[in-house]
C-alpha atoms as a PDB file:
ATOM      1  CA  UNK A   1      58.633  -6.730  21.047  1.00  0.00           C
ATOM      2  CA  UNK A   2      57.869  -3.057  20.491  1.00  0.00           C
ATOM      3  CA  UNK A   3      55.268  -1.101  22.342  1.00  0.00           C
ATOM      4  CA  UNK A   4      53.084   0.663  19.811  1.00  0.00           C
ATOM      5  CA  UNK A   5      49.873   1.338  21.698  1.00  0.00           C
ATOM      6  CA  UNK A   6      49.195   2.838  25.096  1.00  0.00           C
ATOM      7  CA  UNK A   7      45.936   2.693  27.034  1.00  0.00           C
ATOM      8  CA  UNK A   8      45.421   5.627  29.384  1.00  0.00           C
ATOM      9  CA  UNK A   9      49.145   5.911  29.997  1.00  0.00           C
ATOM     10  CA  UNK A  10      49.605   2.143  30.363  1.00  0.00           C
ATOM     11  CA  UNK A  11      51.290   0.130  27.622  1.00  0.00           C
ATOM     12  CA  UNK A  12      49.291  -2.368  25.635  1.00  0.00           C
ATOM     13  CA  UNK A  13      51.616  -4.907  24.109  1.00  0.00           C
ATOM     14  CA  UNK A  14      50.650  -6.390  20.795  1.00  0.00           C
ATOM     15  CA  UNK A  15      51.983  -9.904  20.538  1.00  0.00           C
ATOM     16  CA  UNK A  16      54.263 -10.794  17.639  1.00  0.00           C
ATOM     17  CA  UNK A  17      54.213  -7.456  15.851  1.00  0.00           C
ATOM     18  CA  UNK A  18      57.233  -5.395  14.889  1.00  0.00           C
ATOM     19  CA  UNK A  19      56.449  -2.113  13.177  1.00  0.00           C
ATOM     20  CA  UNK A  20      59.580  -0.007  12.733  1.00  0.00           C
ATOM     21  CA  UNK A  21      58.898   3.658  13.346  1.00  0.00           C
ATOM     22  CA  UNK A  22      55.476   3.052  14.910  1.00  0.00           C
ATOM     23  CA  UNK A  23      56.521   2.791  18.532  1.00  0.00           C
ATOM     24  CA  UNK A  24      54.061   4.627  20.798  1.00  0.00           C
ATOM     25  CA  UNK A  25      52.233   6.111  17.817  1.00  0.00           C
ATOM     26  CA  UNK A  26      48.692   5.339  19.008  1.00  0.00           C
ATOM     27  CA  UNK A  27      47.051   6.024  22.364  1.00  0.00           C
ATOM     28  CA  UNK A  28      44.040   3.772  22.880  1.00  0.00           C
ATOM     29  CA  UNK A  29      41.170   5.738  24.394  1.00  0.00           C
ATOM     30  CA  UNK A  30      38.448   3.081  24.546  1.00  0.00           C
ATOM     31  CA  UNK A  31      37.179  -0.147  23.063  1.00  0.00           C
ATOM     32  CA  UNK A  32      34.383   0.518  20.559  1.00  0.00           C
ATOM     33  CA  UNK A  33      33.569  -3.079  19.733  1.00  0.00           C
ATOM     34  CA  UNK A  34      34.722  -6.681  19.661  1.00  0.00           C
ATOM     35  CA  UNK A  35      34.095  -9.383  17.118  1.00  0.00           C
ATOM     36  CA  UNK A  36      35.279 -12.833  16.154  1.00  0.00           C
ATOM     37  CA  UNK A  37      38.239 -11.443  14.196  1.00  0.00           C
ATOM     38  CA  UNK A  38      39.436  -8.689  16.505  1.00  0.00           C
ATOM     39  CA  UNK A  39      38.765  -5.417  18.299  1.00  0.00           C
ATOM     40  CA  UNK A  40      37.957  -1.859  17.209  1.00  0.00           C
ATOM     41  CA  UNK A  41      39.366   0.954  19.350  1.00  0.00           C
ATOM     42  CA  UNK A  42      38.986   4.710  19.518  1.00  0.00           C
ATOM     43  CA  UNK A  43      42.601   5.858  19.318  1.00  0.00           C
ATOM     44  CA  UNK A  44      44.640   9.030  19.176  1.00  0.00           C
ATOM     45  CA  UNK A  45      47.216   9.036  16.376  1.00  0.00           C
ATOM     46  CA  UNK A  46      50.164  11.020  17.676  1.00  0.00           C
ATOM     47  CA  UNK A  47      51.603  11.416  14.182  1.00  0.00           C
ATOM     48  CA  UNK A  48      48.511  13.124  12.751  1.00  0.00           C
ATOM     49  CA  UNK A  49      47.152  14.448  16.070  1.00  0.00           C
ATOM     50  CA  UNK A  50      43.734  13.031  15.171  1.00  0.00           C
ATOM     51  CA  UNK A  51      41.317  10.574  16.694  1.00  0.00           C
ATOM     52  CA  UNK A  52      40.845   7.485  14.546  1.00  0.00           C
ATOM     53  CA  UNK A  53      39.167   4.118  14.693  1.00  0.00           C
ATOM     54  CA  UNK A  54      41.817   1.402  14.888  1.00  0.00           C
ATOM     55  CA  UNK A  55      40.685  -2.085  13.876  1.00  0.00           C
ATOM     56  CA  UNK A  56      42.952  -4.859  15.123  1.00  0.00           C
ATOM     57  CA  UNK A  57      42.805  -8.384  13.688  1.00  0.00           C
ATOM     58  CA  UNK A  58      43.930 -11.346  15.742  1.00  0.00           C
ATOM     59  CA  UNK A  59      44.900 -14.816  14.594  1.00  0.00           C
ATOM     60  CA  UNK A  60      45.075 -13.838  10.947  1.00  0.00           C
ATOM     61  CA  UNK A  61      46.699 -16.216   8.483  1.00  0.00           C
ATOM     62  CA  UNK A  62      49.070 -15.221   5.682  1.00  0.00           C
ATOM     63  CA  UNK A  63      46.428 -15.741   2.985  1.00  0.00           C
ATOM     64  CA  UNK A  64      43.926 -13.634   4.937  1.00  0.00           C
ATOM     65  CA  UNK A  65      46.534 -10.900   5.385  1.00  0.00           C
ATOM     66  CA  UNK A  66      47.236 -10.907   1.654  1.00  0.00           C
ATOM     67  CA  UNK A  67      43.501 -10.665   0.894  1.00  0.00           C
ATOM     68  CA  UNK A  68      43.028  -7.860   3.444  1.00  0.00           C
ATOM     69  CA  UNK A  69      45.941  -5.894   1.956  1.00  0.00           C
ATOM     70  CA  UNK A  70      44.535  -6.291  -1.539  1.00  0.00           C
ATOM     71  CA  UNK A  71      41.027  -5.199  -0.525  1.00  0.00           C
ATOM     72  CA  UNK A  72      42.317  -2.329   1.623  1.00  0.00           C
ATOM     73  CA  UNK A  73      44.409  -0.948  -1.248  1.00  0.00           C
ATOM     74  CA  UNK A  74      41.456  -1.245  -3.631  1.00  0.00           C
ATOM     75  CA  UNK A  75      39.115   0.636  -1.295  1.00  0.00           C
ATOM     76  CA  UNK A  76      41.227   3.246   0.492  1.00  0.00           C
ATOM     77  CA  UNK A  77      41.035   5.831  -2.290  1.00  0.00           C
ATOM     78  CA  UNK A  78      37.249   5.783  -2.461  1.00  0.00           C
ATOM     79  CA  UNK A  79      35.672   8.931  -1.079  1.00  0.00           C
ATOM     80  CA  UNK A  80      31.921   9.023  -0.620  1.00  0.00           C
ATOM     81  CA  UNK A  81      29.738  10.531   2.113  1.00  0.00           C
ATOM     82  CA  UNK A  82      28.223   7.106   2.870  1.00  0.00           C
ATOM     83  CA  UNK A  83      31.584   5.363   3.318  1.00  0.00           C
ATOM     84  CA  UNK A  84      34.121   5.561   6.100  1.00  0.00           C
ATOM     85  CA  UNK A  85      37.574   6.763   4.959  1.00  0.00           C
ATOM     86  CA  UNK A  86      40.393   4.220   5.289  1.00  0.00           C
ATOM     87  CA  UNK A  87      43.812   5.592   6.325  1.00  0.00           C
ATOM     88  CA  UNK A  88      46.687   3.153   6.923  1.00  0.00           C
ATOM     89  CA  UNK A  89      47.205  -0.604   7.085  1.00  0.00           C
ATOM     90  CA  UNK A  90      49.905  -2.196   9.242  1.00  0.00           C
ATOM     91  CA  UNK A  91      50.715  -5.904   8.955  1.00  0.00           C
ATOM     92  CA  UNK A  92      53.523  -8.305   9.791  1.00  0.00           C
ATOM     93  CA  UNK A  93      51.994 -11.632   8.754  1.00  0.00           C
ATOM     94  CA  UNK A  94      50.842 -12.702  12.212  1.00  0.00           C
ATOM     95  CA  UNK A  95      48.737  -9.739  13.184  1.00  0.00           C
ATOM     96  CA  UNK A  96      47.517  -6.640  11.447  1.00  0.00           C
ATOM     97  CA  UNK A  97      45.478  -3.535  12.042  1.00  0.00           C
ATOM     98  CA  UNK A  98      44.302  -0.535  10.115  1.00  0.00           C
ATOM     99  CA  UNK A  99      43.147   2.958  10.898  1.00  0.00           C
ATOM    100  CA  UNK A 100      40.050   4.604   9.542  1.00  0.00           C
ATOM    101  CA  UNK A 101      37.818   7.602  10.005  1.00  0.00           C
ATOM    102  CA  UNK A 102      36.177   7.702  13.413  1.00  0.00           C
ATOM    103  CA  UNK A 103      32.430   8.186  13.068  1.00  0.00           C
ATOM    104  CA  UNK A 104      30.311   9.344  15.986  1.00  0.00           C
ATOM    105  CA  UNK A 105      26.895   7.935  16.666  1.00  0.00           C
ATOM    106  CA  UNK A 106      25.472   4.600  17.597  1.00  0.00           C
ATOM    107  CA  UNK A 107      25.379   1.113  16.145  1.00  0.00           C
ATOM    108  CA  UNK A 108      22.849   0.031  13.525  1.00  0.00           C
ATOM    109  CA  UNK A 109      20.480  -1.875  15.808  1.00  0.00           C
ATOM    110  CA  UNK A 110      20.411   0.812  18.512  1.00  0.00           C
ATOM    111  CA  UNK A 111      19.670   3.397  15.837  1.00  0.00           C
ATOM    112  CA  UNK A 112      16.752   1.367  14.495  1.00  0.00           C
ATOM    113  CA  UNK A 113      15.426   0.602  17.968  1.00  0.00           C
ATOM    114  CA  UNK A 114      15.421   4.297  18.869  1.00  0.00           C
ATOM    115  CA  UNK A 115      12.747   5.053  16.272  1.00  0.00           C
ATOM    116  CA  UNK A 116       9.513   6.434  17.621  1.00  0.00           C
ATOM    117  CA  UNK A 117       6.359   4.383  17.784  1.00  0.00           C
ATOM    118  CA  UNK A 118       5.359   5.574  14.346  1.00  0.00           C
ATOM    119  CA  UNK A 119       2.882   8.223  15.478  1.00  0.00           C
ATOM    120  CA  UNK A 120       4.656  10.741  13.259  1.00  0.00           C
ATOM    121  CA  UNK A 121       4.756   9.680   9.577  1.00  0.00           C
ATOM    122  CA  UNK A 122       8.215   8.638   8.433  1.00  0.00           C
ATOM    123  CA  UNK A 123       9.598   7.985  11.907  1.00  0.00           C
ATOM    124  CA  UNK A 124       8.675   4.355  12.566  1.00  0.00           C
ATOM    125  CA  UNK A 125      11.000   1.368  12.612  1.00  0.00           C
ATOM    126  CA  UNK A 126      10.133   0.315   9.056  1.00  0.00           C
ATOM    127  CA  UNK A 127      10.675   3.814   7.675  1.00  0.00           C
ATOM    128  CA  UNK A 128      14.011   4.108   9.425  1.00  0.00           C
ATOM    129  CA  UNK A 129      15.072   0.653   8.231  1.00  0.00           C
ATOM    130  CA  UNK A 130      14.200   1.424   4.608  1.00  0.00           C
ATOM    131  CA  UNK A 131      16.004   4.791   4.694  1.00  0.00           C
ATOM    132  CA  UNK A 132      19.094   3.200   6.269  1.00  0.00           C
ATOM    133  CA  UNK A 133      19.235   0.320   3.794  1.00  0.00           C
ATOM    134  CA  UNK A 134      18.872   2.813   0.920  1.00  0.00           C
ATOM    135  CA  UNK A 135      21.912   4.736   2.215  1.00  0.00           C
ATOM    136  CA  UNK A 136      23.838   1.473   2.605  1.00  0.00           C
ATOM    137  CA  UNK A 137      23.013   0.533  -1.000  1.00  0.00           C
ATOM    138  CA  UNK A 138      24.242   3.924  -2.241  1.00  0.00           C
ATOM    139  CA  UNK A 139      27.565   3.405  -0.435  1.00  0.00           C
ATOM    140  CA  UNK A 140      27.898  -0.142  -1.738  1.00  0.00           C
ATOM    141  CA  UNK A 141      27.186   1.090  -5.269  1.00  0.00           C
ATOM    142  CA  UNK A 142      30.008   3.640  -4.918  1.00  0.00           C
ATOM    143  CA  UNK A 143      32.392   0.780  -4.013  1.00  0.00           C
ATOM    144  CA  UNK A 144      31.260  -1.318  -6.952  1.00  0.00           C
ATOM    145  CA  UNK A 145      31.596   1.558  -9.417  1.00  0.00           C
ATOM    146  CA  UNK A 146      35.066   2.425  -8.142  1.00  0.00           C
ATOM    147  CA  UNK A 147      36.449  -1.126  -8.128  1.00  0.00           C
ATOM    148  CA  UNK A 148      34.988  -2.303 -11.455  1.00  0.00           C
END
């Protein structure tokens, strides 16, 4: 087993993953989020000397890995201000992860909840929701145009 990630100077071992040439490449700085499929970390990429978001998938099956690779390759060349940039995908069949642009800010629901009471026109929850969904639709449209 190769050590490829380190958390605050302490090794984090990824089970069942062998990535030649990737040993100690990423320093994990913090956990950004957890979901049913895996974990997203803020990481430092020693190769590029940049902070990235590293999304790790656990318990992924071969068919899911194939699908993820196909979708990742189709989307990684898309550049649009409303879309996060995808960098690299690493997979060995049992576990995979990819790196992407690290975006500052807050999550969707916290952003919406932080709207003012609506005393100033255009600042209420509904206004913020509509503006956010419009931006999401523009990004989704960019994906659809690129992949069709």
